[in-house]
PDB file of N, CA and C in Angstrom:
ATOM      1  N   MET A   1      59.145  66.573  45.641  1.00  0.00           N
ATOM      2  CA  MET A   1      59.107  67.379  44.449  1.00  0.00           C
ATOM      3  C   MET A   1      58.573  68.756  44.828  1.00  0.00           C
ATOM      4  N   SER A   2      59.271  69.777  44.425  1.00  0.00           N
ATOM      5  CA  SER A   2      58.790  71.125  44.717  1.00  0.00           C
ATOM      6  C   SER A   2      58.225  71.735  43.442  1.00  0.00           C
ATOM      7  N   TYR A   3      57.222  72.528  43.623  1.00  0.00           N
ATOM      8  CA  TYR A   3      56.570  73.174  42.493  1.00  0.00           C
ATOM      9  C   TYR A   3      56.976  74.637  42.445  1.00  0.00           C
ATOM     10  N   ARG A   4      57.190  75.126  41.251  1.00  0.00           N
ATOM     11  CA  ARG A   4      57.453  76.553  41.079  1.00  0.00           C
ATOM     12  C   ARG A   4      56.125  77.247  40.827  1.00  0.00           C
ATOM     13  N   LYS A   5      55.982  78.423  41.383  1.00  0.00           N
ATOM     14  CA  LYS A   5      54.726  79.143  41.206  1.00  0.00           C
ATOM     15  C   LYS A   5      54.515  79.511  39.740  1.00  0.00           C
ATOM     16  N   TYR A   6      55.577  79.965  39.100  1.00  0.00           N
ATOM     17  CA  TYR A   6      55.491  80.320  37.689  1.00  0.00           C
ATOM     18  C   TYR A   6      56.609  79.611  36.941  1.00  0.00           C
ATOM     19  N   SER A   7      56.291  79.036  35.830  1.00  0.00           N
ATOM     20  CA  SER A   7      57.271  78.295  35.053  1.00  0.00           C
ATOM     21  C   SER A   7      58.202  79.249  34.311  1.00  0.00           C
ATOM     22  N   GLU A   8      59.461  78.826  34.184  1.00  0.00           N
ATOM     23  CA  GLU A   8      60.422  79.618  33.414  1.00  0.00           C
ATOM     24  C   GLU A   8      60.161  79.493  31.919  1.00  0.00           C
ATOM     25  N   SER A   9      59.572  78.389  31.511  1.00  0.00           N
ATOM     26  CA  SER A   9      59.247  78.197  30.095  1.00  0.00           C
ATOM     27  C   SER A   9      57.830  77.637  29.996  1.00  0.00           C
ATOM     28  N   PRO A  10      56.826  78.501  30.065  1.00  0.00           N
ATOM     29  CA  PRO A  10      55.436  78.020  30.055  1.00  0.00           C
ATOM     30  C   PRO A  10      55.076  77.348  28.731  1.00  0.00           C
ATOM     31  N   ARG A  11      54.187  76.384  28.826  1.00  0.00           N
ATOM     32  CA  ARG A  11      53.685  75.685  27.640  1.00  0.00           C
ATOM     33  C   ARG A  11      52.383  76.345  27.216  1.00  0.00           C
ATOM     34  N   ASN A  12      52.290  76.663  25.961  1.00  0.00           N
ATOM     35  CA  ASN A  12      51.057  77.247  25.449  1.00  0.00           C
ATOM     36  C   ASN A  12      50.162  76.133  24.930  1.00  0.00           C
ATOM     37  N   VAL A  13      48.903  76.202  25.287  1.00  0.00           N
ATOM     38  CA  VAL A  13      47.944  75.188  24.866  1.00  0.00           C
ATOM     39  C   VAL A  13      46.786  75.886  24.171  1.00  0.00           C
ATOM     40  N   ARG A  14      46.476  75.423  22.970  1.00  0.00           N
ATOM     41  CA  ARG A  14      45.322  75.961  22.241  1.00  0.00           C
ATOM     42  C   ARG A  14      44.168  75.002  22.436  1.00  0.00           C
ATOM     43  N   LEU A  15      43.070  75.516  22.925  1.00  0.00           N
ATOM     44  CA  LEU A  15      41.887  74.699  23.167  1.00  0.00           C
ATOM     45  C   LEU A  15      40.805  75.052  22.168  1.00  0.00           C
ATOM     46  N   TYR A  16      39.980  74.059  21.874  1.00  0.00           N
ATOM     47  CA  TYR A  16      38.772  74.347  21.119  1.00  0.00           C
ATOM     48  C   TYR A  16      37.824  75.113  22.029  1.00  0.00           C
ATOM     49  N   GLU A  17      36.927  75.855  21.444  1.00  0.00           N
ATOM     50  CA  GLU A  17      35.995  76.662  22.237  1.00  0.00           C
ATOM     51  C   GLU A  17      35.200  75.774  23.198  1.00  0.00           C
ATOM     52  N   HIS A  18      34.776  74.605  22.712  1.00  0.00           N
ATOM     53  CA  HIS A  18      34.014  73.692  23.552  1.00  0.00           C
ATOM     54  C   HIS A  18      34.839  73.254  24.768  1.00  0.00           C
ATOM     55  N   GLN A  19      36.129  72.953  24.562  1.00  0.00           N
ATOM     56  CA  GLN A  19      36.990  72.532  25.667  1.00  0.00           C
ATOM     57  C   GLN A  19      37.163  73.655  26.688  1.00  0.00           C
ATOM     58  N   ASP A  20      37.329  74.853  26.202  1.00  0.00           N
ATOM     59  CA  ASP A  20      37.482  76.009  27.090  1.00  0.00           C
ATOM     60  C   ASP A  20      36.219  76.212  27.924  1.00  0.00           C
ATOM     61  N   ASN A  21      35.065  76.100  27.289  1.00  0.00           N
ATOM     62  CA  ASN A  21      33.795  76.250  28.012  1.00  0.00           C
ATOM     63  C   ASN A  21      33.608  75.132  29.036  1.00  0.00           C
ATOM     64  N   LEU A  22      33.994  73.921  28.661  1.00  0.00           N
ATOM     65  CA  LEU A  22      33.884  72.779  29.559  1.00  0.00           C
ATOM     66  C   LEU A  22      34.779  72.953  30.788  1.00  0.00           C
ATOM     67  N   LEU A  23      36.002  73.439  30.583  1.00  0.00           N
ATOM     68  CA  LEU A  23      36.898  73.702  31.710  1.00  0.00           C
ATOM     69  C   LEU A  23      36.311  74.736  32.654  1.00  0.00           C
ATOM     70  N   ASP A  24      35.771  75.808  32.098  1.00  0.00           N
ATOM     71  CA  ASP A  24      35.156  76.854  32.923  1.00  0.00           C
ATOM     72  C   ASP A  24      33.993  76.290  33.732  1.00  0.00           C
ATOM     73  N   GLU A  25      33.146  75.510  33.072  1.00  0.00           N
ATOM     74  CA  GLU A  25      31.995  74.916  33.756  1.00  0.00           C
ATOM     75  C   GLU A  25      32.450  73.937  34.838  1.00  0.00           C
ATOM     76  N   MET A  26      33.440  73.120  34.508  1.00  0.00           N
ATOM     77  CA  MET A  26      33.929  72.125  35.457  1.00  0.00           C
ATOM     78  C   MET A  26      34.531  72.796  36.689  1.00  0.00           C
ATOM     79  N   LEU A  27      35.339  73.826  36.492  1.00  0.00           N
ATOM     80  CA  LEU A  27      35.979  74.483  37.627  1.00  0.00           C
ATOM     81  C   LEU A  27      34.994  75.291  38.466  1.00  0.00           C
ATOM     82  N   SER A  28      33.850  75.620  37.913  1.00  0.00           N
ATOM     83  CA  SER A  28      32.841  76.331  38.703  1.00  0.00           C
ATOM     84  C   SER A  28      32.055  75.377  39.603  1.00  0.00           C
ATOM     85  N   ASP A  29      32.156  74.070  39.360  1.00  0.00           N
ATOM     86  CA  ASP A  29      31.504  73.074  40.207  1.00  0.00           C
ATOM     87  C   ASP A  29      32.468  72.699  41.332  1.00  0.00           C
ATOM     88  N   ARG A  30      32.352  73.370  42.461  1.00  0.00           N
ATOM     89  CA  ARG A  30      33.304  73.212  43.562  1.00  0.00           C
ATOM     90  C   ARG A  30      33.283  71.813  44.160  1.00  0.00           C
ATOM     91  N   GLU A  31      32.125  71.190  44.212  1.00  0.00           N
ATOM     92  CA  GLU A  31      32.031  69.849  44.785  1.00  0.00           C
ATOM     93  C   GLU A  31      32.851  68.854  43.957  1.00  0.00           C
ATOM     94  N   PHE A  32      32.662  68.887  42.638  1.00  0.00           N
ATOM     95  CA  PHE A  32      33.402  67.986  41.750  1.00  0.00           C
ATOM     96  C   PHE A  32      34.905  68.214  41.876  1.00  0.00           C
ATOM     97  N   CYS A  33      35.313  69.479  41.834  1.00  0.00           N
ATOM     98  CA  CYS A  33      36.741  69.799  41.870  1.00  0.00           C
ATOM     99  C   CYS A  33      37.381  69.400  43.193  1.00  0.00           C
ATOM    100  N   SER A  34      36.675  69.583  44.294  1.00  0.00           N
ATOM    101  CA  SER A  34      37.269  69.200  45.575  1.00  0.00           C
ATOM    102  C   SER A  34      37.385  67.684  45.693  1.00  0.00           C
ATOM    103  N   GLN A  35      36.439  66.952  45.124  1.00  0.00           N
ATOM    104  CA  GLN A  35      36.525  65.490  45.133  1.00  0.00           C
ATOM    105  C   GLN A  35      37.718  65.001  44.320  1.00  0.00           C
ATOM    106  N   LYS A  36      37.993  65.662  43.213  1.00  0.00           N
ATOM    107  CA  LYS A  36      39.072  65.242  42.310  1.00  0.00           C
ATOM    108  C   LYS A  36      40.413  65.911  42.635  1.00  0.00           C
ATOM    109  N   GLY A  37      40.404  66.931  43.478  1.00  0.00           N
ATOM    110  CA  GLY A  37      41.637  67.632  43.813  1.00  0.00           C
ATOM    111  C   GLY A  37      42.062  68.632  42.758  1.00  0.00           C
ATOM    112  N   TYR A  38      41.114  69.155  42.006  1.00  0.00           N
ATOM    113  CA  TYR A  38      41.401  70.157  40.982  1.00  0.00           C
ATOM    114  C   TYR A  38      41.150  71.543  41.579  1.00  0.00           C
ATOM    115  N   TYR A  39      42.201  72.332  41.640  1.00  0.00           N
ATOM    116  CA  TYR A  39      42.064  73.683  42.177  1.00  0.00           C
ATOM    117  C   TYR A  39      42.367  74.739  41.126  1.00  0.00           C
ATOM    118  N   SER A  40      42.848  74.296  39.975  1.00  0.00           N
ATOM    119  CA  SER A  40      43.117  75.209  38.869  1.00  0.00           C
ATOM    120  C   SER A  40      43.133  74.401  37.571  1.00  0.00           C
ATOM    121  N   ILE A  41      43.177  75.114  36.474  1.00  0.00           N
ATOM    122  CA  ILE A  41      43.245  74.453  35.167  1.00  0.00           C
ATOM    123  C   ILE A  41      44.552  73.663  35.067  1.00  0.00           C
ATOM    124  N   SER A  42      45.607  74.178  35.668  1.00  0.00           N
ATOM    125  CA  SER A  42      46.892  73.472  35.646  1.00  0.00           C
ATOM    126  C   SER A  42      46.785  72.096  36.282  1.00  0.00           C
ATOM    127  N   ASP A  43      46.008  71.984  37.355  1.00  0.00           N
ATOM    128  CA  ASP A  43      45.828  70.680  38.007  1.00  0.00           C
ATOM    129  C   ASP A  43      45.183  69.681  37.060  1.00  0.00           C
ATOM    130  N   VAL A  44      44.213  70.138  36.280  1.00  0.00           N
ATOM    131  CA  VAL A  44      43.531  69.260  35.325  1.00  0.00           C
ATOM    132  C   VAL A  44      44.522  68.770  34.276  1.00  0.00           C
ATOM    133  N   PHE A  45      45.332  69.674  33.733  1.00  0.00           N
ATOM    134  CA  PHE A  45      46.292  69.292  32.713  1.00  0.00           C
ATOM    135  C   PHE A  45      47.369  68.365  33.268  1.00  0.00           C
ATOM    136  N   ARG A  46      47.881  68.661  34.458  1.00  0.00           N
ATOM    137  CA  ARG A  46      48.912  67.799  35.051  1.00  0.00           C
ATOM    138  C   ARG A  46      48.369  66.394  35.279  1.00  0.00           C
ATOM    139  N   ASN A  47      47.151  66.305  35.786  1.00  0.00           N
ATOM    140  CA  ASN A  47      46.549  65.002  36.050  1.00  0.00           C
ATOM    141  C   ASN A  47      46.383  64.221  34.752  1.00  0.00           C
ATOM    142  N   SER A  48      45.890  64.887  33.724  1.00  0.00           N
ATOM    143  CA  SER A  48      45.684  64.221  32.429  1.00  0.00           C
ATOM    144  C   SER A  48      47.002  63.801  31.803  1.00  0.00           C
ATOM    145  N   LEU A  49      48.002  64.648  31.901  1.00  0.00           N
ATOM    146  CA  LEU A  49      49.300  64.322  31.330  1.00  0.00           C
ATOM    147  C   LEU A  49      49.935  63.144  32.060  1.00  0.00           C
ATOM    148  N   SER A  50      49.759  63.069  33.358  1.00  0.00           N
ATOM    149  CA  SER A  50      50.278  61.933  34.122  1.00  0.00           C
ATOM    150  C   SER A  50      49.628  60.637  33.666  1.00  0.00           C
ATOM    151  N   SER A  51      48.341  60.685  33.405  1.00  0.00           N
ATOM    152  CA  SER A  51      47.617  59.506  32.935  1.00  0.00           C
ATOM    153  C   SER A  51      48.146  59.046  31.581  1.00  0.00           C
ATOM    154  N   VAL A  52      48.339  59.967  30.684  1.00  0.00           N
ATOM    155  CA  VAL A  52      48.868  59.631  29.357  1.00  0.00           C
ATOM    156  C   VAL A  52      50.302  59.139  29.484  1.00  0.00           C
ATOM    157  N   GLY A  53      51.067  59.724  30.385  1.00  0.00           N
ATOM    158  CA  GLY A  53      52.442  59.276  30.604  1.00  0.00           C
ATOM    159  C   GLY A  53      52.506  57.831  31.069  1.00  0.00           C
ATOM    160  N   ARG A  54      51.592  57.439  31.971  1.00  0.00           N
ATOM    161  CA  ARG A  54      51.541  56.051  32.425  1.00  0.00           C
ATOM    162  C   ARG A  54      51.208  55.115  31.265  1.00  0.00           C
ATOM    163  N   GLU A  55      50.288  55.518  30.399  1.00  0.00           N
ATOM    164  CA  GLU A  55      49.955  54.707  29.229  1.00  0.00           C
ATOM    165  C   GLU A  55      51.176  54.524  28.330  1.00  0.00           C
ATOM    166  N   PHE A  56      51.934  55.596  28.139  1.00  0.00           N
ATOM    167  CA  PHE A  56      53.120  55.536  27.287  1.00  0.00           C
ATOM    168  C   PHE A  56      54.182  54.620  27.895  1.00  0.00           C
ATOM    169  N   GLU A  57      54.386  54.716  29.203  1.00  0.00           N
ATOM    170  CA  GLU A  57      55.357  53.842  29.862  1.00  0.00           C
ATOM    171  C   GLU A  57      54.948  52.374  29.743  1.00  0.00           C
ATOM    172  N   GLN A  58      53.656  52.096  29.847  1.00  0.00           N
ATOM    173  CA  GLN A  58      53.164  50.722  29.677  1.00  0.00           C
ATOM    174  C   GLN A  58      53.397  50.251  28.246  1.00  0.00           C
ATOM    175  N   TYR A  59      53.160  51.119  27.292  1.00  0.00           N
ATOM    176  CA  TYR A  59      53.400  50.811  25.880  1.00  0.00           C
ATOM    177  C   TYR A  59      54.871  50.470  25.653  1.00  0.00           C
ATOM    178  N   LYS A  60      55.786  51.315  26.202  1.00  0.00           N
ATOM    179  CA  LYS A  60      57.220  51.062  26.043  1.00  0.00           C
ATOM    180  C   LYS A  60      57.612  49.728  26.672  1.00  0.00           C
ATOM    181  N   PHE A  61      57.079  49.425  27.842  1.00  0.00           N
ATOM    182  CA  PHE A  61      57.386  48.170  28.509  1.00  0.00           C
ATOM    183  C   PHE A  61      56.908  46.979  27.674  1.00  0.00           C
ATOM    184  N   ASN A  62      55.661  47.045  27.199  1.00  0.00           N
ATOM    185  CA  ASN A  62      55.118  45.954  26.379  1.00  0.00           C
ATOM    186  C   ASN A  62      55.936  45.772  25.107  1.00  0.00           C
ATOM    187  N   LYS A  63      56.371  46.860  24.540  1.00  0.00           N
ATOM    188  CA  LYS A  63      57.175  46.801  23.313  1.00  0.00           C
ATOM    189  C   LYS A  63      58.523  46.146  23.594  1.00  0.00           C
ATOM    190  N   SER A  64      59.139  46.477  24.719  1.00  0.00           N
ATOM    191  CA  SER A  64      60.452  45.903  25.037  1.00  0.00           C
ATOM    192  C   SER A  64      60.339  44.413  25.385  1.00  0.00           C
ATOM    193  N   VAL A  65      59.229  44.005  25.981  1.00  0.00           N
ATOM    194  CA  VAL A  65      59.041  42.602  26.336  1.00  0.00           C
ATOM    195  C   VAL A  65      58.786  41.750  25.096  1.00  0.00           C
ATOM    196  N   SER A  66      58.058  42.310  24.150  1.00  0.00           N
ATOM    197  CA  SER A  66      57.698  41.542  22.954  1.00  0.00           C
ATOM    198  C   SER A  66      58.838  41.449  21.947  1.00  0.00           C
ATOM    199  N   SER A  67      59.868  42.261  22.097  1.00  0.00           N
ATOM    200  CA  SER A  67      60.993  42.253  21.136  1.00  0.00           C
ATOM    201  C   SER A  67      61.926  41.118  21.364  1.00  0.00           C
TER     202      SER A  67
END
């Protein structure tokens, strides 16, 4: 999979002030970020979205099995 440096259709995300402050604080902690592999805010969002995507795929599978 290749990554594009800049997206042709960027997604806009509105954060609560607390979330924005938390992201800033988290990314300033270099030890935590290097352990988790977070090098930018985009990495945090991609990782979180992947996690939610796995949950959704599990939900779809469970739904198809129970039908």
